[in-house]
Amino acid sequence: MGEAYFYHLTRSTLDETLPTLLDRARAAGWRVAVRGTDAARLDRLDERLWLGEGFVPHGRAGGDHDADQPVLLTTAAETPGGPPNGAACLMAIDGAEVAPDEVRRLERVCIIFDGGDDAALTVARRQWKDLTDAGCGAKYWSQETGSWAMKVEKPGA
């Protein structure tokens, strides 16, 4: 059974943080699905991951080789068979929904949200409550002091 890690961005942006989290997940041997809510935002991340300082091999969902992608960017919600690339880790951005069954099935779920966005904070708080009320383990990580530190942990049932 996996856990949900909540990453509260206060000192860096998603564009700066995502490559690092993807590298860590890949170092653990996991394939990753990055689930967003906006195709245009994923287009920008797609370009950043290919051309930015932290090159990350990946693909966009809907291609012929989704199953082969180490990292797959998608707007699709959970499917019965899981992510098409067989991801062990899901990174949800921009308020993308995460189901308790996904947290239980995957090694790790990362919910990344912008601390400067009141709507994002509201969604993250609701997700924390929904997932922990469903018995999922969760950890809240903040970078308010400059480096990431775990602030709250709620063990799963």
C-alpha atoms as a PDB file:
ATOM      1  CA  MET A   1       0.000   0.000   0.000  1.00  0.00           C
ATOM      2  CA  GLY A   2       1.362   3.379  -1.002  1.00  0.00           C
ATOM      3  CA  GLU A   3       1.039   6.780   0.550  1.00  0.00           C
ATOM      4  CA  ALA A   4       0.058  10.236  -0.626  1.00  0.00           C
ATOM      5  CA  TYR A   5       2.781  12.879  -0.317  1.00  0.00           C
ATOM      6  CA  PHE A   6       1.527  16.454  -0.409  1.00  0.00           C
ATOM      7  CA  TYR A   7       4.125  18.952  -1.656  1.00  0.00           C
ATOM      8  CA  HIS A   8       3.281  22.553  -0.715  1.00  0.00           C
ATOM      9  CA  LEU A   9       5.252  24.830  -3.053  1.00  0.00           C
ATOM     10  CA  THR A  10       6.194  28.081  -1.342  1.00  0.00           C
ATOM     11  CA  ARG A  11       9.734  28.826  -2.553  1.00  0.00           C
ATOM     12  CA  SER A  12       9.892  27.202  -5.964  1.00  0.00           C
ATOM     13  CA  THR A  13       7.582  26.642  -8.902  1.00  0.00           C
ATOM     14  CA  LEU A  14       6.213  23.434 -10.311  1.00  0.00           C
ATOM     15  CA  ASP A  15       8.569  23.845 -13.284  1.00  0.00           C
ATOM     16  CA  GLU A  16      11.521  23.889 -10.878  1.00  0.00           C
ATOM     17  CA  THR A  17      10.294  21.129  -8.560  1.00  0.00           C
ATOM     18  CA  LEU A  18       8.802  18.560 -10.929  1.00  0.00           C
ATOM     19  CA  PRO A  19      12.075  17.472 -12.613  1.00  0.00           C
ATOM     20  CA  THR A  20      13.633  16.805  -9.197  1.00  0.00           C
ATOM     21  CA  LEU A  21      10.654  14.745  -8.014  1.00  0.00           C
ATOM     22  CA  LEU A  22      10.603  12.844 -11.309  1.00  0.00           C
ATOM     23  CA  ASP A  23      14.320  12.082 -11.002  1.00  0.00           C
ATOM     24  CA  ARG A  24      13.800  10.737  -7.472  1.00  0.00           C
ATOM     25  CA  ALA A  25      10.887   8.566  -8.532  1.00  0.00           C
ATOM     26  CA  ARG A  26      12.861   7.217 -11.486  1.00  0.00           C
ATOM     27  CA  ALA A  27      15.849   6.538  -9.182  1.00  0.00           C
ATOM     28  CA  ALA A  28      13.475   4.364  -7.113  1.00  0.00           C
ATOM     29  CA  GLY A  29      12.811   2.387 -10.310  1.00  0.00           C
ATOM     30  CA  TRP A  30       9.277   3.681 -10.788  1.00  0.00           C
ATOM     31  CA  ARG A  31       7.483   4.652 -13.950  1.00  0.00           C
ATOM     32  CA  VAL A  32       5.528   7.852 -13.361  1.00  0.00           C
ATOM     33  CA  ALA A  33       2.257   9.328 -14.591  1.00  0.00           C
ATOM     34  CA  VAL A  34       1.932  13.107 -14.251  1.00  0.00           C
ATOM     35  CA  ARG A  35      -1.764  13.967 -14.180  1.00  0.00           C
ATOM     36  CA  GLY A  36      -2.828  17.519 -14.854  1.00  0.00           C
ATOM     37  CA  THR A  37      -6.110  19.239 -15.585  1.00  0.00           C
ATOM     38  CA  ASP A  38      -5.095  21.493 -18.469  1.00  0.00           C
ATOM     39  CA  ALA A  39      -3.658  20.275 -21.778  1.00  0.00           C
ATOM     40  CA  ALA A  40      -1.974  23.636 -22.443  1.00  0.00           C
ATOM     41  CA  ARG A  41      -0.180  23.437 -19.086  1.00  0.00           C
ATOM     42  CA  LEU A  42       1.007  19.923 -19.952  1.00  0.00           C
ATOM     43  CA  ASP A  43       2.239  21.256 -23.311  1.00  0.00           C
ATOM     44  CA  ARG A  44       4.417  23.760 -21.447  1.00  0.00           C
ATOM     45  CA  LEU A  45       5.687  21.078 -19.052  1.00  0.00           C
ATOM     46  CA  ASP A  46       6.357  18.780 -22.001  1.00  0.00           C
ATOM     47  CA  GLU A  47       8.604  21.393 -23.578  1.00  0.00           C
ATOM     48  CA  ARG A  48      10.284  22.233 -20.276  1.00  0.00           C
ATOM     49  CA  LEU A  49      11.063  18.576 -19.532  1.00  0.00           C
ATOM     50  CA  TRP A  50      12.623  18.094 -22.976  1.00  0.00           C
ATOM     51  CA  LEU A  51      14.519  21.363 -23.218  1.00  0.00           C
ATOM     52  CA  GLY A  52      15.028  22.565 -19.648  1.00  0.00           C
ATOM     53  CA  GLU A  53      18.024  22.102 -17.405  1.00  0.00           C
ATOM     54  CA  GLY A  54      16.549  18.933 -15.906  1.00  0.00           C
ATOM     55  CA  PHE A  55      15.984  16.847 -19.061  1.00  0.00           C
ATOM     56  CA  VAL A  56      13.512  14.072 -18.290  1.00  0.00           C
ATOM     57  CA  PRO A  57      12.632  11.452 -20.938  1.00  0.00           C
ATOM     58  CA  HIS A  58       8.858  11.311 -21.191  1.00  0.00           C
ATOM     59  CA  GLY A  59       5.846  11.276 -23.483  1.00  0.00           C
ATOM     60  CA  ARG A  60       2.346  12.685 -23.798  1.00  0.00           C
ATOM     61  CA  ALA A  61      -0.588  10.319 -23.348  1.00  0.00           C
ATOM     62  CA  GLY A  62      -2.413   9.328 -26.500  1.00  0.00           C
ATOM     63  CA  GLY A  63       0.635   8.337 -28.524  1.00  0.00           C
ATOM     64  CA  ASP A  64       1.535   4.983 -30.007  1.00  0.00           C
ATOM     65  CA  HIS A  65       4.161   4.300 -27.357  1.00  0.00           C
ATOM     66  CA  ASP A  66       2.413   5.217 -24.094  1.00  0.00           C
ATOM     67  CA  ALA A  67       3.225   1.831 -22.549  1.00  0.00           C
ATOM     68  CA  ASP A  68       6.961   2.420 -23.127  1.00  0.00           C
ATOM     69  CA  GLN A  69       7.177   5.855 -21.495  1.00  0.00           C
ATOM     70  CA  PRO A  70       9.100   6.135 -18.210  1.00  0.00           C
ATOM     71  CA  VAL A  71       7.114   9.325 -17.516  1.00  0.00           C
ATOM     72  CA  LEU A  72       3.734   9.976 -19.101  1.00  0.00           C
ATOM     73  CA  LEU A  73       1.959  13.353 -19.031  1.00  0.00           C
ATOM     74  CA  THR A  74      -1.818  12.995 -19.066  1.00  0.00           C
ATOM     75  CA  THR A  75      -5.108  14.668 -18.233  1.00  0.00           C
ATOM     76  CA  ALA A  76      -6.914  11.318 -17.981  1.00  0.00           C
ATOM     77  CA  ALA A  77      -8.505  10.286 -14.711  1.00  0.00           C
ATOM     78  CA  GLU A  78      -7.913   6.863 -13.204  1.00  0.00           C
ATOM     79  CA  THR A  79      -8.621   3.958 -15.525  1.00  0.00           C
ATOM     80  CA  PRO A  80      -9.428   0.396 -14.387  1.00  0.00           C
ATOM     81  CA  GLY A  81      -6.065  -0.916 -15.597  1.00  0.00           C
ATOM     82  CA  GLY A  82      -4.109   2.006 -14.148  1.00  0.00           C
ATOM     83  CA  PRO A  83      -1.912   4.369 -16.120  1.00  0.00           C
ATOM     84  CA  PRO A  84      -1.073   3.181 -19.655  1.00  0.00           C
ATOM     85  CA  ASN A  85       2.659   3.226 -18.887  1.00  0.00           C
ATOM     86  CA  GLY A  86       2.264   0.939 -15.860  1.00  0.00           C
ATOM     87  CA  ALA A  87       3.231   3.753 -13.487  1.00  0.00           C
ATOM     88  CA  ALA A  88       4.023   2.932  -9.870  1.00  0.00           C
ATOM     89  CA  CYS A  89       3.928   6.641  -9.000  1.00  0.00           C
ATOM     90  CA  LEU A  90       1.325   9.282  -9.812  1.00  0.00           C
ATOM     91  CA  MET A  91       2.118  12.981  -9.578  1.00  0.00           C
ATOM     92  CA  ALA A  92      -1.052  15.075  -9.534  1.00  0.00           C
ATOM     93  CA  ILE A  93      -0.716  18.758 -10.403  1.00  0.00           C
ATOM     94  CA  ASP A  94      -3.111  21.690 -10.704  1.00  0.00           C
ATOM     95  CA  GLY A  95      -5.809  20.054  -8.591  1.00  0.00           C
ATOM     96  CA  ALA A  96      -6.020  16.812 -10.593  1.00  0.00           C
ATOM     97  CA  GLU A  97      -8.182  14.322  -8.746  1.00  0.00           C
ATOM     98  CA  VAL A  98      -6.725  11.292  -7.003  1.00  0.00           C
ATOM     99  CA  ALA A  99      -8.836   8.354  -5.851  1.00  0.00           C
ATOM    100  CA  PRO A 100      -8.130   6.456  -2.618  1.00  0.00           C
ATOM    101  CA  ASP A 101      -7.832   3.231  -4.636  1.00  0.00           C
ATOM    102  CA  GLU A 102      -4.952   4.779  -6.575  1.00  0.00           C
ATOM    103  CA  VAL A 103      -3.096   5.581  -3.371  1.00  0.00           C
ATOM    104  CA  ARG A 104      -3.599   2.009  -2.179  1.00  0.00           C
ATOM    105  CA  ARG A 105      -2.545   0.456  -5.500  1.00  0.00           C
ATOM    106  CA  LEU A 106       0.481   2.614  -6.356  1.00  0.00           C
ATOM    107  CA  GLU A 107       3.817   2.872  -4.580  1.00  0.00           C
ATOM    108  CA  ARG A 108       3.457   6.626  -4.196  1.00  0.00           C
ATOM    109  CA  VAL A 109       1.079   9.437  -5.079  1.00  0.00           C
ATOM    110  CA  CYS A 110       2.460  12.984  -5.040  1.00  0.00           C
ATOM    111  CA  ILE A 111       0.036  15.882  -4.881  1.00  0.00           C
ATOM    112  CA  ILE A 112       1.894  19.059  -5.775  1.00  0.00           C
ATOM    113  CA  PHE A 113       0.222  22.402  -5.149  1.00  0.00           C
ATOM    114  CA  ASP A 114       1.056  26.107  -5.240  1.00  0.00           C
ATOM    115  CA  GLY A 115       1.028  27.723  -1.809  1.00  0.00           C
ATOM    116  CA  GLY A 116       0.353  31.134  -3.349  1.00  0.00           C
ATOM    117  CA  ASP A 117      -2.918  30.021  -4.914  1.00  0.00           C
ATOM    118  CA  ASP A 118      -5.912  30.010  -2.532  1.00  0.00           C
ATOM    119  CA  ALA A 119      -7.942  27.735  -4.815  1.00  0.00           C
ATOM    120  CA  ALA A 120      -5.054  25.218  -4.974  1.00  0.00           C
ATOM    121  CA  LEU A 121      -4.784  25.262  -1.171  1.00  0.00           C
ATOM    122  CA  THR A 122      -8.507  24.578  -0.842  1.00  0.00           C
ATOM    123  CA  VAL A 123      -8.308  21.626  -3.244  1.00  0.00           C
ATOM    124  CA  ALA A 124      -5.238  20.191  -1.483  1.00  0.00           C
ATOM    125  CA  ARG A 125      -6.940  20.445   1.923  1.00  0.00           C
ATOM    126  CA  ARG A 126      -9.998  18.639   0.567  1.00  0.00           C
ATOM    127  CA  GLN A 127      -7.806  15.949  -1.008  1.00  0.00           C
ATOM    128  CA  TRP A 128      -5.928  15.458   2.280  1.00  0.00           C
ATOM    129  CA  LYS A 129      -9.218  15.043   4.148  1.00  0.00           C
ATOM    130  CA  ASP A 130     -10.784  12.754   1.534  1.00  0.00           C
ATOM    131  CA  LEU A 131      -7.733  10.498   1.273  1.00  0.00           C
ATOM    132  CA  THR A 132      -6.977  10.268   4.989  1.00  0.00           C
ATOM    133  CA  ASP A 133     -10.679   9.753   5.822  1.00  0.00           C
ATOM    134  CA  ALA A 134     -10.551   6.823   3.359  1.00  0.00           C
ATOM    135  CA  GLY A 135      -7.696   5.312   5.378  1.00  0.00           C
ATOM    136  CA  CYS A 136      -4.801   6.308   3.122  1.00  0.00           C
ATOM    137  CA  GLY A 137      -1.481   7.219   4.688  1.00  0.00           C
ATOM    138  CA  ALA A 138      -0.361  10.756   3.924  1.00  0.00           C
ATOM    139  CA  LYS A 139       2.601  13.043   4.509  1.00  0.00           C
ATOM    140  CA  TYR A 140       2.639  16.806   4.183  1.00  0.00           C
ATOM    141  CA  TRP A 141       5.901  18.348   2.957  1.00  0.00           C
ATOM    142  CA  SER A 142       6.643  22.069   3.029  1.00  0.00           C
ATOM    143  CA  GLN A 143       9.583  24.133   1.838  1.00  0.00           C
ATOM    144  CA  GLU A 144       8.836  27.169   3.978  1.00  0.00           C
ATOM    145  CA  THR A 145      12.318  27.108   5.555  1.00  0.00           C
ATOM    146  CA  GLY A 146      14.063  26.786   2.199  1.00  0.00           C
ATOM    147  CA  SER A 147      14.481  23.017   2.086  1.00  0.00           C
ATOM    148  CA  TRP A 148      11.809  20.341   2.059  1.00  0.00           C
ATOM    149  CA  ALA A 149      10.697  19.160   5.486  1.00  0.00           C
ATOM    150  CA  MET A 150       7.903  16.797   6.476  1.00  0.00           C
ATOM    151  CA  LYS A 151       5.500  18.696   8.721  1.00  0.00           C
ATOM    152  CA  VAL A 152       2.638  16.234   9.241  1.00  0.00           C
ATOM    153  CA  GLU A 153       2.258  12.505   8.864  1.00  0.00           C
ATOM    154  CA  LYS A 154      -0.951  10.527   9.078  1.00  0.00           C
ATOM    155  CA  PRO A 155      -0.483   6.751   8.963  1.00  0.00           C
ATOM    156  CA  GLY A 156      -2.872   4.716   6.860  1.00  0.00           C
ATOM    157  CA  ALA A 157      -5.515   2.507   8.379  1.00  0.00           C
END
